[in-house]
């Protein structure tokens, strides 16, 4: 988020990024019981993308 602020992104854009990150982290916690970023693998990311794709 700090990087976005430095690049002078709008408040609305930064809020969108925060919401997207929060949704992803909630998904990891609920589906895989992951709470530490270092535990995330490409499998988890691909799984989340598939969920997003299914939702449209």
N, C-alpha and C. Protein backbone atom coordinates (compact mmCIF):
# COMPACT_ATOMS: atom_id res chain seq x y z
N UNK A 1 0.82 -1.17 0.00
CA UNK A 1 0.00 0.00 0.00
C UNK A 1 0.88 1.26 0.00
N UNK A 2 1.97 1.15 0.69
CA UNK A 2 2.90 2.29 0.75
C UNK A 2 3.38 2.65 -0.65
N UNK A 3 3.70 1.64 -1.44
CA UNK A 3 4.16 1.86 -2.81
C UNK A 3 3.10 2.58 -3.64
N UNK A 4 1.84 2.22 -3.44
CA UNK A 4 0.76 2.87 -4.18
C UNK A 4 0.62 4.34 -3.78
N UNK A 5 0.78 4.60 -2.50
CA UNK A 5 0.70 5.98 -2.02
C UNK A 5 1.84 6.82 -2.60
N UNK A 6 3.04 6.24 -2.65
CA UNK A 6 4.19 6.95 -3.20
C UNK A 6 3.98 7.24 -4.68
N UNK A 7 3.35 6.30 -5.39
CA UNK A 7 3.09 6.49 -6.82
C UNK A 7 1.88 7.39 -7.05
N UNK A 8 1.33 7.91 -5.96
CA UNK A 8 0.24 8.88 -6.01
C UNK A 8 -1.05 8.32 -6.62
N UNK A 9 -1.35 7.05 -6.32
CA UNK A 9 -2.62 6.46 -6.75
C UNK A 9 -3.74 7.12 -5.96
N UNK A 10 -4.93 7.11 -6.52
CA UNK A 10 -6.06 7.74 -5.85
C UNK A 10 -6.46 6.94 -4.61
N UNK A 11 -7.12 7.62 -3.69
CA UNK A 11 -7.60 6.99 -2.46
C UNK A 11 -8.53 5.83 -2.81
N UNK A 12 -9.35 6.01 -3.80
CA UNK A 12 -10.29 4.96 -4.22
C UNK A 12 -9.54 3.72 -4.74
N UNK A 13 -8.50 3.93 -5.52
CA UNK A 13 -7.71 2.82 -6.05
C UNK A 13 -7.01 2.07 -4.92
N UNK A 14 -6.43 2.80 -3.98
CA UNK A 14 -5.76 2.18 -2.85
C UNK A 14 -6.75 1.37 -2.02
N UNK A 15 -7.94 1.91 -1.83
CA UNK A 15 -8.98 1.19 -1.09
C UNK A 15 -9.34 -0.11 -1.81
N UNK A 16 -9.42 -0.07 -3.13
CA UNK A 16 -9.71 -1.26 -3.91
C UNK A 16 -8.64 -2.32 -3.74
N UNK A 17 -7.38 -1.91 -3.77
CA UNK A 17 -6.26 -2.84 -3.56
C UNK A 17 -6.35 -3.47 -2.17
N UNK A 18 -6.65 -2.64 -1.16
CA UNK A 18 -6.77 -3.15 0.21
C UNK A 18 -7.88 -4.18 0.30
N UNK A 19 -9.02 -3.88 -0.32
CA UNK A 19 -10.14 -4.82 -0.27
C UNK A 19 -9.81 -6.13 -0.98
N UNK A 20 -9.13 -6.04 -2.12
CA UNK A 20 -8.74 -7.25 -2.84
C UNK A 20 -7.76 -8.10 -2.03
N UNK A 21 -6.78 -7.44 -1.41
CA UNK A 21 -5.82 -8.17 -0.59
C UNK A 21 -6.50 -8.81 0.61
N UNK A 22 -7.41 -8.08 1.21
CA UNK A 22 -8.13 -8.60 2.37
C UNK A 22 -8.97 -9.83 1.98
N UNK A 23 -9.63 -9.76 0.84
CA UNK A 23 -10.44 -10.89 0.37
C UNK A 23 -9.56 -12.12 0.12
N UNK A 24 -8.39 -11.91 -0.47
CA UNK A 24 -7.47 -13.02 -0.74
C UNK A 24 -6.98 -13.63 0.57
N UNK A 25 -6.59 -12.80 1.51
CA UNK A 25 -6.10 -13.31 2.79
C UNK A 25 -7.19 -14.04 3.57
N UNK A 26 -8.42 -13.53 3.49
CA UNK A 26 -9.54 -14.23 4.14
C UNK A 26 -9.78 -15.59 3.50
N UNK A 27 -9.68 -15.65 2.18
CA UNK A 27 -9.83 -16.92 1.47
C UNK A 27 -8.77 -17.91 1.94
N UNK A 28 -7.53 -17.48 2.02
CA UNK A 28 -6.44 -18.36 2.46
C UNK A 28 -6.67 -18.86 3.88
N UNK A 29 -7.15 -17.98 4.72
CA UNK A 29 -7.39 -18.37 6.11
C UNK A 29 -8.54 -19.36 6.21
N UNK A 30 -9.61 -19.12 5.47
CA UNK A 30 -10.80 -19.98 5.55
C UNK A 30 -10.61 -21.32 4.85
N UNK A 31 -9.96 -21.32 3.71
CA UNK A 31 -9.83 -22.55 2.92
C UNK A 31 -8.62 -23.39 3.28
N UNK A 32 -7.52 -22.74 3.65
CA UNK A 32 -6.27 -23.46 3.86
C UNK A 32 -5.66 -23.25 5.26
N UNK A 33 -6.35 -22.47 6.09
CA UNK A 33 -5.85 -22.15 7.43
C UNK A 33 -4.47 -21.50 7.40
N UNK A 34 -4.24 -20.70 6.38
CA UNK A 34 -2.96 -20.00 6.23
C UNK A 34 -3.09 -18.60 6.82
N UNK A 35 -2.16 -18.29 7.71
CA UNK A 35 -2.13 -16.96 8.31
C UNK A 35 -0.78 -16.28 8.15
N UNK A 36 0.19 -17.01 7.62
CA UNK A 36 1.54 -16.47 7.43
C UNK A 36 1.81 -16.39 5.93
N UNK A 37 2.16 -15.21 5.47
CA UNK A 37 2.35 -14.98 4.03
C UNK A 37 3.37 -15.94 3.43
N UNK A 38 4.40 -16.28 4.18
CA UNK A 38 5.44 -17.17 3.67
C UNK A 38 4.93 -18.58 3.36
N UNK A 39 3.76 -18.93 3.88
CA UNK A 39 3.19 -20.26 3.63
C UNK A 39 2.41 -20.34 2.33
N UNK A 40 2.20 -19.22 1.67
CA UNK A 40 1.43 -19.20 0.42
C UNK A 40 2.26 -19.79 -0.70
N UNK A 41 1.64 -20.67 -1.48
CA UNK A 41 2.30 -21.27 -2.64
C UNK A 41 1.54 -20.89 -3.90
N UNK A 42 2.11 -21.23 -5.04
CA UNK A 42 1.43 -20.95 -6.31
C UNK A 42 0.11 -21.72 -6.39
N UNK A 43 0.03 -22.88 -5.76
CA UNK A 43 -1.21 -23.65 -5.72
C UNK A 43 -2.35 -22.84 -5.10
N UNK A 44 -2.05 -22.13 -4.03
CA UNK A 44 -3.06 -21.33 -3.35
C UNK A 44 -3.52 -20.17 -4.23
N UNK A 45 -2.57 -19.54 -4.89
CA UNK A 45 -2.90 -18.41 -5.76
C UNK A 45 -3.75 -18.88 -6.94
N UNK A 46 -3.36 -20.00 -7.55
CA UNK A 46 -4.13 -20.54 -8.68
C UNK A 46 -5.53 -20.94 -8.24
N UNK A 47 -5.65 -21.48 -7.06
CA UNK A 47 -6.96 -21.86 -6.53
C UNK A 47 -7.86 -20.63 -6.38
N UNK A 48 -7.29 -19.57 -5.88
CA UNK A 48 -8.05 -18.33 -5.70
C UNK A 48 -8.48 -17.76 -7.06
N UNK A 49 -7.57 -17.79 -8.04
CA UNK A 49 -7.91 -17.31 -9.38
C UNK A 49 -9.06 -18.11 -9.98
N UNK A 50 -9.07 -19.41 -9.73
CA UNK A 50 -10.16 -20.24 -10.24
C UNK A 50 -11.49 -19.85 -9.61
N UNK A 51 -11.48 -19.55 -8.33
CA UNK A 51 -12.69 -19.11 -7.64
C UNK A 51 -13.17 -17.79 -8.25
N UNK A 52 -12.25 -16.86 -8.48
CA UNK A 52 -12.63 -15.58 -9.07
C UNK A 52 -13.17 -15.76 -10.49
N UNK A 53 -12.56 -16.65 -11.25
CA UNK A 53 -13.01 -16.92 -12.60
C UNK A 53 -14.43 -17.48 -12.61
N UNK A 54 -14.72 -18.38 -11.69
CA UNK A 54 -16.05 -18.98 -11.59
C UNK A 54 -17.10 -17.95 -11.23
N UNK A 55 -16.71 -16.98 -10.42
CA UNK A 55 -17.64 -15.91 -10.03
C UNK A 55 -17.86 -14.90 -11.15
N UNK A 56 -16.92 -14.90 -12.10
CA UNK A 56 -17.05 -13.97 -13.23
C UNK A 56 -16.37 -12.69 -12.96
